[in-house]
C-alpha atoms as a PDB file:
ATOM      1  CA  MET A   1     139.037 192.828 108.620  1.00  0.00           C
ATOM      2  CA  LYS A   2     137.642 190.023 106.453  1.00  0.00           C
ATOM      3  CA  ASN A   3     134.206 188.530 107.234  1.00  0.00           C
ATOM      4  CA  PHE A   4     134.003 184.982 108.324  1.00  0.00           C
ATOM      5  CA  ASN A   5     133.083 183.520 104.996  1.00  0.00           C
ATOM      6  CA  THR A   6     130.005 181.165 105.084  1.00  0.00           C
ATOM      7  CA  ASP A   7     128.449 181.791 101.674  1.00  0.00           C
ATOM      8  CA  LYS A   8     128.246 178.016 100.896  1.00  0.00           C
ATOM      9  CA  ILE A   9     127.451 175.340 103.557  1.00  0.00           C
ATOM     10  CA  ILE A  10     126.694 171.668 103.488  1.00  0.00           C
ATOM     11  CA  ILE A  11     124.541 169.952 106.149  1.00  0.00           C
ATOM     12  CA  ALA A  12     125.249 166.271 106.521  1.00  0.00           C
ATOM     13  CA  LEU A  13     122.029 164.577 107.690  1.00  0.00           C
ATOM     14  CA  GLY A  14     121.556 161.219 109.122  1.00  0.00           C
ATOM     15  CA  LEU A  15     117.754 161.019 108.935  1.00  0.00           C
ATOM     16  CA  HIS A  16     117.344 160.473 112.639  1.00  0.00           C
ATOM     17  CA  ARG A  17     116.046 162.528 115.638  1.00  0.00           C
ATOM     18  CA  GLN A  18     119.392 164.351 115.995  1.00  0.00           C
ATOM     19  CA  ASP A  19     118.648 166.085 112.707  1.00  0.00           C
ATOM     20  CA  ASP A  20     116.177 168.298 114.576  1.00  0.00           C
ATOM     21  CA  CYS A  21     118.865 169.608 116.805  1.00  0.00           C
ATOM     22  CA  LEU A  22     121.244 170.148 113.934  1.00  0.00           C
ATOM     23  CA  LEU A  23     118.734 171.914 111.790  1.00  0.00           C
ATOM     24  CA  GLU A  24     117.673 174.192 114.596  1.00  0.00           C
ATOM     25  CA  TYR A  25     121.388 175.205 115.024  1.00  0.00           C
ATOM     26  CA  VAL A  26     121.750 175.704 111.274  1.00  0.00           C
ATOM     27  CA  GLU A  27     118.651 177.988 111.408  1.00  0.00           C
ATOM     28  CA  PHE A  28     120.116 179.829 114.267  1.00  0.00           C
ATOM     29  CA  LEU A  29     123.480 180.600 112.577  1.00  0.00           C
ATOM     30  CA  ASN A  30     121.665 181.352 109.302  1.00  0.00           C
ATOM     31  CA  ARG A  31     119.956 184.230 111.017  1.00  0.00           C
ATOM     32  CA  GLN A  32     123.424 185.496 112.175  1.00  0.00           C
ATOM     33  CA  PHE A  33     125.294 184.938 108.870  1.00  0.00           C
ATOM     34  CA  ASP A  34     122.663 184.704 106.072  1.00  0.00           C
ATOM     35  CA  PHE A  35     124.080 181.779 104.265  1.00  0.00           C
ATOM     36  CA  ASN A  36     124.036 182.212 100.524  1.00  0.00           C
ATOM     37  CA  GLU A  37     123.744 178.472  99.472  1.00  0.00           C
ATOM     38  CA  ILE A  38     122.690 175.553 101.739  1.00  0.00           C
ATOM     39  CA  THR A  39     122.988 172.046 100.579  1.00  0.00           C
ATOM     40  CA  ALA A  40     121.586 169.105 102.429  1.00  0.00           C
ATOM     41  CA  LEU A  41     123.440 165.762 102.067  1.00  0.00           C
ATOM     42  CA  HIS A  42     122.573 162.322 103.104  1.00  0.00           C
ATOM     43  CA  VAL A  43     124.619 159.027 102.525  1.00  0.00           C
ATOM     44  CA  LEU A  44     123.225 155.558 102.290  1.00  0.00           C
ATOM     45  CA  PRO A  45     125.527 152.632 102.455  1.00  0.00           C
ATOM     46  CA  LYS A  46     125.468 151.089  99.041  1.00  0.00           C
ATOM     47  CA  SER A  47     125.959 147.537 100.320  1.00  0.00           C
ATOM     48  CA  THR A  48     123.234 147.692 103.002  1.00  0.00           C
ATOM     49  CA  PRO A  49     119.601 147.714 101.458  1.00  0.00           C
ATOM     50  CA  ALA A  50     117.953 148.003 104.909  1.00  0.00           C
ATOM     51  CA  LEU A  51     117.458 151.343 106.580  1.00  0.00           C
ATOM     52  CA  GLU A  52     117.285 151.853 110.324  1.00  0.00           C
ATOM     53  CA  ALA A  53     113.900 152.306 111.882  1.00  0.00           C
ATOM     54  CA  GLU A  54     113.532 155.881 111.833  1.00  0.00           C
ATOM     55  CA  THR A  55     114.682 156.256 108.212  1.00  0.00           C
ATOM     56  CA  ALA A  56     112.224 153.497 107.217  1.00  0.00           C
ATOM     57  CA  GLN A  57     109.382 155.421 108.737  1.00  0.00           C
ATOM     58  CA  ALA A  58     110.405 158.539 106.680  1.00  0.00           C
ATOM     59  CA  VAL A  59     110.914 156.658 103.413  1.00  0.00           C
ATOM     60  CA  THR A  60     107.929 154.288 102.838  1.00  0.00           C
ATOM     61  CA  ASP A  61     107.215 151.557 100.288  1.00  0.00           C
ATOM     62  CA  TYR A  62     110.881 150.675  99.739  1.00  0.00           C
ATOM     63  CA  ARG A  63     111.323 147.776  97.573  1.00  0.00           C
ATOM     64  CA  ALA A  64     114.609 145.875  96.919  1.00  0.00           C
ATOM     65  CA  GLN A  65     114.472 145.963  93.012  1.00  0.00           C
ATOM     66  CA  GLU A  66     116.820 146.923  90.289  1.00  0.00           C
ATOM     67  CA  ASP A  67     116.033 150.482  90.298  1.00  0.00           C
ATOM     68  CA  TYR A  68     115.637 150.959  94.046  1.00  0.00           C
ATOM     69  CA  GLU A  69     118.414 153.536  94.340  1.00  0.00           C
ATOM     70  CA  GLU A  70     116.672 156.027  91.974  1.00  0.00           C
ATOM     71  CA  GLN A  71     113.336 155.483  93.833  1.00  0.00           C
ATOM     72  CA  LEU A  72     114.970 155.689  97.289  1.00  0.00           C
ATOM     73  CA  GLU A  73     116.865 158.846  96.236  1.00  0.00           C
ATOM     74  CA  GLU A  74     113.630 160.504  95.120  1.00  0.00           C
ATOM     75  CA  SER A  75     111.872 159.556  98.367  1.00  0.00           C
ATOM     76  CA  ILE A  76     114.746 160.805 100.665  1.00  0.00           C
ATOM     77  CA  GLU A  77     114.989 164.138  98.707  1.00  0.00           C
ATOM     78  CA  ASP A  78     111.172 164.531  99.368  1.00  0.00           C
ATOM     79  CA  TYR A  79     111.697 163.789 103.002  1.00  0.00           C
ATOM     80  CA  ILE A  80     114.734 166.052 103.424  1.00  0.00           C
ATOM     81  CA  SER A  81     112.992 168.985 101.662  1.00  0.00           C
ATOM     82  CA  ASN A  82     110.081 168.649 104.122  1.00  0.00           C
ATOM     83  CA  ARG A  83     112.454 168.785 107.149  1.00  0.00           C
ATOM     84  CA  CYS A  84     115.121 171.088 105.776  1.00  0.00           C
ATOM     85  CA  GLY A  85     113.137 173.786 103.936  1.00  0.00           C
ATOM     86  CA  GLN A  86     116.037 176.245 104.250  1.00  0.00           C
ATOM     87  CA  ALA A  87     118.165 174.237 101.921  1.00  0.00           C
ATOM     88  CA  GLU A  88     118.267 174.990  98.185  1.00  0.00           C
ATOM     89  CA  ARG A  89     119.833 171.633  97.219  1.00  0.00           C
ATOM     90  CA  TYR A  90     119.321 168.050  98.185  1.00  0.00           C
ATOM     91  CA  LEU A  91     122.064 165.459  97.573  1.00  0.00           C
ATOM     92  CA  VAL A  92     121.607 161.674  98.167  1.00  0.00           C
ATOM     93  CA  LYS A  93     124.694 159.653  97.742  1.00  0.00           C
ATOM     94  CA  PHE A  94     125.234 155.798  97.878  1.00  0.00           C
ATOM     95  CA  GLY A  95     128.488 154.280  99.195  1.00  0.00           C
ATOM     96  CA  ASN A  96     130.821 154.476 102.224  1.00  0.00           C
ATOM     97  CA  ILE A  97     129.587 157.251 104.387  1.00  0.00           C
ATOM     98  CA  GLU A  98     132.988 158.714 105.306  1.00  0.00           C
ATOM     99  CA  GLU A  99     134.302 158.602 101.756  1.00  0.00           C
ATOM    100  CA  GLU A 100     131.224 160.107 100.280  1.00  0.00           C
ATOM    101  CA  VAL A 101     131.072 162.974 102.755  1.00  0.00           C
ATOM    102  CA  LEU A 102     134.695 163.760 102.121  1.00  0.00           C
ATOM    103  CA  LYS A 103     134.334 163.444  98.355  1.00  0.00           C
ATOM    104  CA  THR A 104     131.333 165.603  98.240  1.00  0.00           C
ATOM    105  CA  THR A 105     132.917 168.266 100.467  1.00  0.00           C
ATOM    106  CA  ALA A 106     135.995 168.325  98.088  1.00  0.00           C
ATOM    107  CA  GLU A 107     133.867 168.613  94.978  1.00  0.00           C
ATOM    108  CA  GLU A 108     131.398 171.318  96.358  1.00  0.00           C
ATOM    109  CA  LYS A 109     134.102 173.204  98.270  1.00  0.00           C
ATOM    110  CA  PRO A 110     131.821 174.626 100.954  1.00  0.00           C
ATOM    111  CA  GLN A 111     133.127 177.039 103.575  1.00  0.00           C
ATOM    112  CA  LEU A 112     131.390 175.080 106.303  1.00  0.00           C
ATOM    113  CA  LEU A 113     130.314 171.522 106.880  1.00  0.00           C
ATOM    114  CA  PHE A 114     127.673 170.891 109.533  1.00  0.00           C
ATOM    115  CA  PHE A 115     127.216 167.434 110.985  1.00  0.00           C
ATOM    116  CA  GLY A 116     125.370 166.041 114.023  1.00  0.00           C
ATOM    117  CA  GLN A 117     126.747 163.860 116.772  1.00  0.00           C
ATOM    118  CA  LYS A 118     124.682 161.361 118.818  1.00  0.00           C
ATOM    119  CA  ASN A 119     125.534 158.730 121.389  1.00  0.00           C
ATOM    120  CA  ASN A 120     129.258 158.847 120.897  1.00  0.00           C
ATOM    121  CA  THR A 121     128.910 158.411 117.033  1.00  0.00           C
ATOM    122  CA  ILE A 122     128.854 160.891 114.156  1.00  0.00           C
ATOM    123  CA  LEU A 123     126.523 160.194 111.244  1.00  0.00           C
ATOM    124  CA  HIS A 124     126.186 156.592 112.548  1.00  0.00           C
ATOM    125  CA  ALA A 125     129.424 155.200 111.213  1.00  0.00           C
ATOM    126  CA  LEU A 126     131.254 158.375 110.514  1.00  0.00           C
ATOM    127  CA  SER A 127     134.597 158.676 112.032  1.00  0.00           C
ATOM    128  CA  ALA A 128     135.500 161.879 113.861  1.00  0.00           C
ATOM    129  CA  GLU A 129     139.239 161.394 113.464  1.00  0.00           C
ATOM    130  CA  ARG A 130     138.999 160.887 109.750  1.00  0.00           C
ATOM    131  CA  ILE A 131     136.600 163.590 109.021  1.00  0.00           C
ATOM    132  CA  VAL A 132     138.555 166.181 111.277  1.00  0.00           C
ATOM    133  CA  CYS A 133     141.818 164.985 109.699  1.00  0.00           C
ATOM    134  CA  GLU A 134     140.981 164.787 106.042  1.00  0.00           C
ATOM    135  CA  ALA A 135     138.134 167.223 105.238  1.00  0.00           C
ATOM    136  CA  LYS A 136     139.609 170.353 103.551  1.00  0.00           C
ATOM    137  CA  THR A 137     136.937 172.780 104.992  1.00  0.00           C
ATOM    138  CA  THR A 138     135.914 174.223 108.396  1.00  0.00           C
ATOM    139  CA  LEU A 139     133.646 171.797 110.253  1.00  0.00           C
ATOM    140  CA  LEU A 140     131.037 172.343 112.733  1.00  0.00           C
ATOM    141  CA  SER A 141     129.912 169.450 114.976  1.00  0.00           C
ATOM    142  CA  VAL A 142     126.590 169.893 116.650  1.00  0.00           C
ATOM    143  CA  PRO A 143     126.017 167.193 119.461  1.00  0.00           C
ATOM    144  CA  GLU A 144     122.629 166.064 120.601  1.00  0.00           C
ATOM    145  CA  GLY A 145     121.114 168.529 123.084  1.00  0.00           C
ATOM    146  CA  SER A 146     122.957 171.531 121.861  1.00  0.00           C
ATOM    147  CA  GLN A 147     121.172 174.835 122.431  1.00  0.00           C
ATOM    148  CA  PRO A 148     120.928 177.452 119.616  1.00  0.00           C
ATOM    149  CA  LYS A 149     122.865 180.261 121.606  1.00  0.00           C
ATOM    150  CA  ILE A 150     126.433 181.612 121.713  1.00  0.00           C
ATOM    151  CA  ARG A 151     127.284 183.552 124.846  1.00  0.00           C
ATOM    152  CA  LYS A 152     130.555 182.056 125.779  1.00  0.00           C
ATOM    153  CA  ILE A 153     133.177 180.878 123.277  1.00  0.00           C
ATOM    154  CA  LEU A 154     136.104 178.765 124.317  1.00  0.00           C
ATOM    155  CA  VAL A 155     139.236 178.652 122.160  1.00  0.00           C
ATOM    156  CA  PRO A 156     141.979 176.138 123.234  1.00  0.00           C
ATOM    157  CA  VAL A 157     145.420 177.359 122.161  1.00  0.00           C
ATOM    158  CA  ASP A 158     148.620 175.157 122.374  1.00  0.00           C
ATOM    159  CA  PHE A 159     150.934 177.813 120.755  1.00  0.00           C
ATOM    160  CA  SER A 160     150.799 175.991 117.379  1.00  0.00           C
ATOM    161  CA  ASP A 161     149.996 177.922 114.125  1.00  0.00           C
ATOM    162  CA  PRO A 162     146.642 176.036 113.745  1.00  0.00           C
ATOM    163  CA  SER A 163     145.403 177.029 117.086  1.00  0.00           C
ATOM    164  CA  ILE A 164     146.515 180.707 116.674  1.00  0.00           C
ATOM    165  CA  GLU A 165     144.572 180.611 113.239  1.00  0.00           C
ATOM    166  CA  ALA A 166     141.592 179.133 115.075  1.00  0.00           C
ATOM    167  CA  LEU A 167     141.735 182.089 117.478  1.00  0.00           C
ATOM    168  CA  LYS A 168     141.727 184.587 114.640  1.00  0.00           C
ATOM    169  CA  SER A 169     138.817 182.834 112.999  1.00  0.00           C
ATOM    170  CA  ALA A 170     136.945 182.719 116.316  1.00  0.00           C
ATOM    171  CA  VAL A 171     137.273 186.504 116.691  1.00  0.00           C
ATOM    172  CA  ALA A 172     136.111 187.004 113.143  1.00  0.00           C
ATOM    173  CA  PHE A 173     133.192 184.627 113.668  1.00  0.00           C
ATOM    174  CA  ASN A 174     132.235 186.424 116.918  1.00  0.00           C
ATOM    175  CA  LYS A 175     132.293 189.922 115.416  1.00  0.00           C
ATOM    176  CA  GLN A 176     129.593 188.916 113.001  1.00  0.00           C
ATOM    177  CA  LEU A 177     127.174 187.605 115.651  1.00  0.00           C
ATOM    178  CA  LYS A 178     124.343 189.951 116.303  1.00  0.00           C
ATOM    179  CA  ASN A 179     125.204 189.633 119.930  1.00  0.00           C
ATOM    180  CA  PRO A 180     128.881 189.014 120.253  1.00  0.00           C
ATOM    181  CA  ALA A 181     129.895 186.428 122.893  1.00  0.00           C
ATOM    182  CA  LYS A 182     132.715 186.529 125.432  1.00  0.00           C
ATOM    183  CA  ILE A 183     135.754 184.668 124.310  1.00  0.00           C
ATOM    184  CA  THR A 184     138.146 182.672 126.674  1.00  0.00           C
ATOM    185  CA  VAL A 185     141.468 181.570 125.425  1.00  0.00           C
ATOM    186  CA  LEU A 186     142.433 178.348 127.184  1.00  0.00           C
ATOM    187  CA  ASN A 187     145.849 176.636 127.507  1.00  0.00           C
ATOM    188  CA  VAL A 188     146.230 173.355 129.161  1.00  0.00           C
ATOM    189  CA  THR A 189     149.520 172.395 130.920  1.00  0.00           C
ATOM    190  CA  GLY A 190     150.713 169.108 132.006  1.00  0.00           C
ATOM    191  CA  ASN A 191     152.639 168.050 135.199  1.00  0.00           C
ATOM    192  CA  GLU A 192     155.688 167.329 133.104  1.00  0.00           C
ATOM    193  CA  ASP A 193     155.992 170.973 131.986  1.00  0.00           C
ATOM    194  CA  GLY A 194     159.335 172.420 133.469  1.00  0.00           C
ATOM    195  CA  ALA A 195     160.622 169.034 134.405  1.00  0.00           C
ATOM    196  CA  GLY A 196     164.368 168.784 134.792  1.00  0.00           C
ATOM    197  CA  ILE A 197     165.124 172.170 135.975  1.00  0.00           C
ATOM    198  CA  GLY A 198     165.861 171.104 139.475  1.00  0.00           C
ATOM    199  CA  LEU A 199     163.034 172.783 141.297  1.00  0.00           C
ATOM    200  CA  GLN A 200     160.512 170.909 143.610  1.00  0.00           C
ATOM    201  CA  ASN A 201     156.862 171.698 143.413  1.00  0.00           C
ATOM    202  CA  ARG A 202     156.520 172.948 146.961  1.00  0.00           C
ATOM    203  CA  GLY A 203     153.265 174.632 147.869  1.00  0.00           C
ATOM    204  CA  GLY A 204     152.293 174.730 144.209  1.00  0.00           C
ATOM    205  CA  THR A 205     155.271 176.911 143.327  1.00  0.00           C
ATOM    206  CA  MET A 206     156.221 175.059 140.051  1.00  0.00           C
ATOM    207  CA  GLN A 207     152.599 175.058 138.904  1.00  0.00           C
ATOM    208  CA  LYS A 208     152.190 178.717 139.368  1.00  0.00           C
ATOM    209  CA  LEU A 209     155.400 179.341 137.578  1.00  0.00           C
ATOM    210  CA  ARG A 210     154.282 177.251 134.646  1.00  0.00           C
ATOM    211  CA  GLU A 211     150.844 178.993 134.569  1.00  0.00           C
ATOM    212  CA  ASP A 212     152.357 182.407 134.811  1.00  0.00           C
ATOM    213  CA  SER A 213     154.917 181.871 132.091  1.00  0.00           C
ATOM    214  CA  ARG A 214     152.356 180.382 129.747  1.00  0.00           C
ATOM    215  CA  ARG A 215     149.905 183.209 130.407  1.00  0.00           C
ATOM    216  CA  ASP A 216     152.664 185.741 129.619  1.00  0.00           C
ATOM    217  CA  PHE A 217     153.508 183.800 126.324  1.00  0.00           C
ATOM    218  CA  LEU A 218     149.862 183.841 125.326  1.00  0.00           C
ATOM    219  CA  LYS A 219     149.624 187.535 125.742  1.00  0.00           C
ATOM    220  CA  ILE A 220     152.675 187.938 123.527  1.00  0.00           C
ATOM    221  CA  LEU A 221     151.120 185.818 120.924  1.00  0.00           C
ATOM    222  CA  ILE A 222     147.872 187.457 121.080  1.00  0.00           C
ATOM    223  CA  LYS A 223     149.423 190.923 120.937  1.00  0.00           C
ATOM    224  CA  LYS A 224     151.394 189.814 117.897  1.00  0.00           C
ATOM    225  CA  ASN A 225     148.496 188.377 115.934  1.00  0.00           C
ATOM    226  CA  LEU A 226     145.479 190.109 117.323  1.00  0.00           C
ATOM    227  CA  PRO A 227     146.764 193.347 118.919  1.00  0.00           C
ATOM    228  CA  LYS A 228     143.310 195.084 119.003  1.00  0.00           C
ATOM    229  CA  GLU A 229     141.687 192.070 120.698  1.00  0.00           C
ATOM    230  CA  LEU A 230     143.929 191.455 123.611  1.00  0.00           C
ATOM    231  CA  LYS A 231     141.954 193.551 126.102  1.00  0.00           C
ATOM    232  CA  HIS A 232     138.738 191.740 125.023  1.00  0.00           C
ATOM    233  CA  LEU A 233     139.966 188.113 125.505  1.00  0.00           C
ATOM    234  CA  LYS A 234     140.039 186.295 128.764  1.00  0.00           C
ATOM    235  CA  ILE A 235     143.130 184.166 129.197  1.00  0.00           C
ATOM    236  CA  LYS A 236     142.968 180.981 131.248  1.00  0.00           C
ATOM    237  CA  VAL A 237     145.784 178.370 131.999  1.00  0.00           C
ATOM    238  CA  VAL A 238     144.850 175.145 133.592  1.00  0.00           C
ATOM    239  CA  SER A 239     146.656 172.030 134.781  1.00  0.00           C
ATOM    240  CA  ARG A 240     145.343 168.836 133.267  1.00  0.00           C
ATOM    241  CA  GLY A 241     146.688 166.570 136.017  1.00  0.00           C
ATOM    242  CA  GLU A 242     146.292 163.022 134.973  1.00  0.00           C
ATOM    243  CA  ASP A 243     143.773 163.935 132.179  1.00  0.00           C
ATOM    244  CA  THR A 244     144.687 163.944 128.467  1.00  0.00           C
ATOM    245  CA  PRO A 245     144.609 167.500 126.978  1.00  0.00           C
ATOM    246  CA  ALA A 246     141.310 166.635 125.211  1.00  0.00           C
ATOM    247  CA  GLU A 247     139.729 165.331 128.621  1.00  0.00           C
ATOM    248  CA  ALA A 248     140.880 168.527 130.334  1.00  0.00           C
ATOM    249  CA  ILE A 249     139.334 170.772 127.433  1.00  0.00           C
ATOM    250  CA  VAL A 250     136.044 168.846 127.581  1.00  0.00           C
ATOM    251  CA  LYS A 251     135.828 169.007 131.416  1.00  0.00           C
ATOM    252  CA  TYR A 252     136.600 172.681 131.476  1.00  0.00           C
ATOM    253  CA  ALA A 253     134.096 173.531 128.737  1.00  0.00           C
ATOM    254  CA  GLU A 254     131.308 171.624 130.319  1.00  0.00           C
ATOM    255  CA  ARG A 255     132.092 172.770 133.913  1.00  0.00           C
ATOM    256  CA  LYS A 256     132.177 176.478 132.877  1.00  0.00           C
ATOM    257  CA  GLU A 257     129.190 176.071 130.683  1.00  0.00           C
ATOM    258  CA  PHE A 258     130.578 177.305 127.417  1.00  0.00           C
ATOM    259  CA  ASP A 259     128.164 177.360 124.440  1.00  0.00           C
ATOM    260  CA  PHE A 260     130.722 176.993 121.653  1.00  0.00           C
ATOM    261  CA  VAL A 261     134.294 175.788 121.207  1.00  0.00           C
ATOM    262  CA  VAL A 262     136.724 176.751 118.247  1.00  0.00           C
ATOM    263  CA  MET A 263     139.776 174.603 117.764  1.00  0.00           C
ATOM    264  CA  GLY A 264     142.334 174.194 114.886  1.00  0.00           C
ATOM    265  CA  ALA A 265     143.294 171.074 113.219  1.00  0.00           C
ATOM    266  CA  LYS A 266     146.772 170.009 112.139  1.00  0.00           C
ATOM    267  CA  GLY A 267     147.348 168.592 108.677  1.00  0.00           C
ATOM    268  CA  ASN A 268     145.015 166.975 106.124  1.00  0.00           C
ATOM    269  CA  SER A 269     145.949 163.250 106.220  1.00  0.00           C
ATOM    270  CA  ALA A 270     145.782 160.088 108.452  1.00  0.00           C
ATOM    271  CA  PHE A 271     149.647 160.388 108.725  1.00  0.00           C
ATOM    272  CA  SER A 272     149.590 163.962 110.149  1.00  0.00           C
ATOM    273  CA  MET A 273     146.895 162.987 112.594  1.00  0.00           C
ATOM    274  CA  LEU A 274     149.023 160.065 113.748  1.00  0.00           C
ATOM    275  CA  LEU A 275     152.013 162.363 113.896  1.00  0.00           C
ATOM    276  CA  PHE A 276     150.567 165.264 115.723  1.00  0.00           C
ATOM    277  CA  GLY A 277     147.910 163.502 117.786  1.00  0.00           C
ATOM    278  CA  SER A 278     144.126 163.792 117.702  1.00  0.00           C
ATOM    279  CA  THR A 279     143.215 166.219 120.549  1.00  0.00           C
ATOM    280  CA  THR A 280     140.746 168.139 118.375  1.00  0.00           C
ATOM    281  CA  ALA A 281     139.147 164.903 117.067  1.00  0.00           C
ATOM    282  CA  ALA A 282     138.898 163.546 120.606  1.00  0.00           C
ATOM    283  CA  VAL A 283     137.204 166.821 121.749  1.00  0.00           C
ATOM    284  CA  VAL A 284     134.710 166.547 118.836  1.00  0.00           C
ATOM    285  CA  LYS A 285     134.055 162.895 119.720  1.00  0.00           C
ATOM    286  CA  GLU A 286     133.732 163.319 123.568  1.00  0.00           C
ATOM    287  CA  ILE A 287     132.108 166.649 124.192  1.00  0.00           C
ATOM    288  CA  ARG A 288     128.328 166.753 125.086  1.00  0.00           C
ATOM    289  CA  LYS A 289     125.815 169.439 124.233  1.00  0.00           C
ATOM    290  CA  ILE A 290     128.457 171.964 123.056  1.00  0.00           C
ATOM    291  CA  PRO A 291     129.086 172.606 119.283  1.00  0.00           C
ATOM    292  CA  VAL A 292     132.680 172.492 118.234  1.00  0.00           C
ATOM    293  CA  MET A 293     133.963 174.347 115.225  1.00  0.00           C
ATOM    294  CA  VAL A 294     137.108 173.018 113.627  1.00  0.00           C
ATOM    295  CA  ILE A 295     139.255 175.492 111.647  1.00  0.00           C
ATOM    296  CA  LYS A 296     141.262 173.815 108.856  1.00  0.00           C
ATOM    297  CA  GLU A 297     144.383 175.213 107.268  1.00  0.00           C
ATOM    298  CA  PHE A 298     142.485 176.837 104.286  1.00  0.00           C
ATOM    299  CA  ALA A 299     140.664 179.101 106.664  1.00  0.00           C
ATOM    300  CA  GLN A 300     143.786 181.045 107.646  1.00  0.00           C
ATOM    301  CA  ASP A 301     142.868 183.954 105.299  1.00  0.00           C
ATOM    302  CA  LEU A 302     139.617 184.610 107.064  1.00  0.00           C
ATOM    303  CA  SER A 303     141.109 186.965 109.452  1.00  0.00           C
ATOM    304  CA  GLU A 304     144.280 187.900 107.685  1.00  0.00           C
ATOM    305  CA  ASN A 305     143.618 191.596 108.165  1.00  0.00           C
ATOM    306  CA  GLN A 306     142.886 191.307 111.920  1.00  0.00           C
ATOM    307  CA  ASN A 307     146.175 193.026 112.932  1.00  0.00           C
ATOM    308  CA  GLN A 308     145.880 195.853 110.491  1.00  0.00           C
END
């Protein structure tokens, strides 16, 4: 079985209080995986000379003059190096935040991109939908208030290939933790499932049939893809009622006090996100205090030997 590859990572910093939580989580995982190369990245909007209050306190004596970018870059690098001593490299970019994060990720080709989430925003103006959709690397969102521990991992599976690959990656990731967690495989079913077959939902009969059939199918998929892991995985099927799939996942994760969520993402373009929906991006955006790892298509080889 291949290891979960985390040799090279990038930490996208916002220069606000959420960085403390993000860096604490990076340090926690660094103790588990021993990252080989850590790069800290911060992007400043090129067209906005003013920094928000917290950044202004960290970067002093800012003057709007012709060479301000160079001076500001040096000041921010000093600030980041003081807060993020575990990083070997410090990058300061100017421009559109989303575009620069995506561009840097494409150029640097890290195995993992860390970013923080605060008050329903990511890196201030960073769009969860765009980053989840377009970044060609595995992502790890660390919401404000996340605790540096992993005891219970939730992996939502909708029978798609990306969700199965996410499960494979979650198993590989978990095996490298010093104290492996318990993994729950979650499938969310809607009230419309099974509609049109001419049966009434009397006494919950239809719901039970749906859940049983989905549970059996999940076992078949797991046995096919991860035969040695079936007995170690807990399988749970829940009805989402009037909730969207993302809302049902978030509610279940928070109610059952999971420490970590692993999900797959379909496609690498805005069109594919529009076509397939944005459940993963919605979970990343809405969940509170629980880190979410998003496995992209490139990560499929991380666990290719799981069933050997």
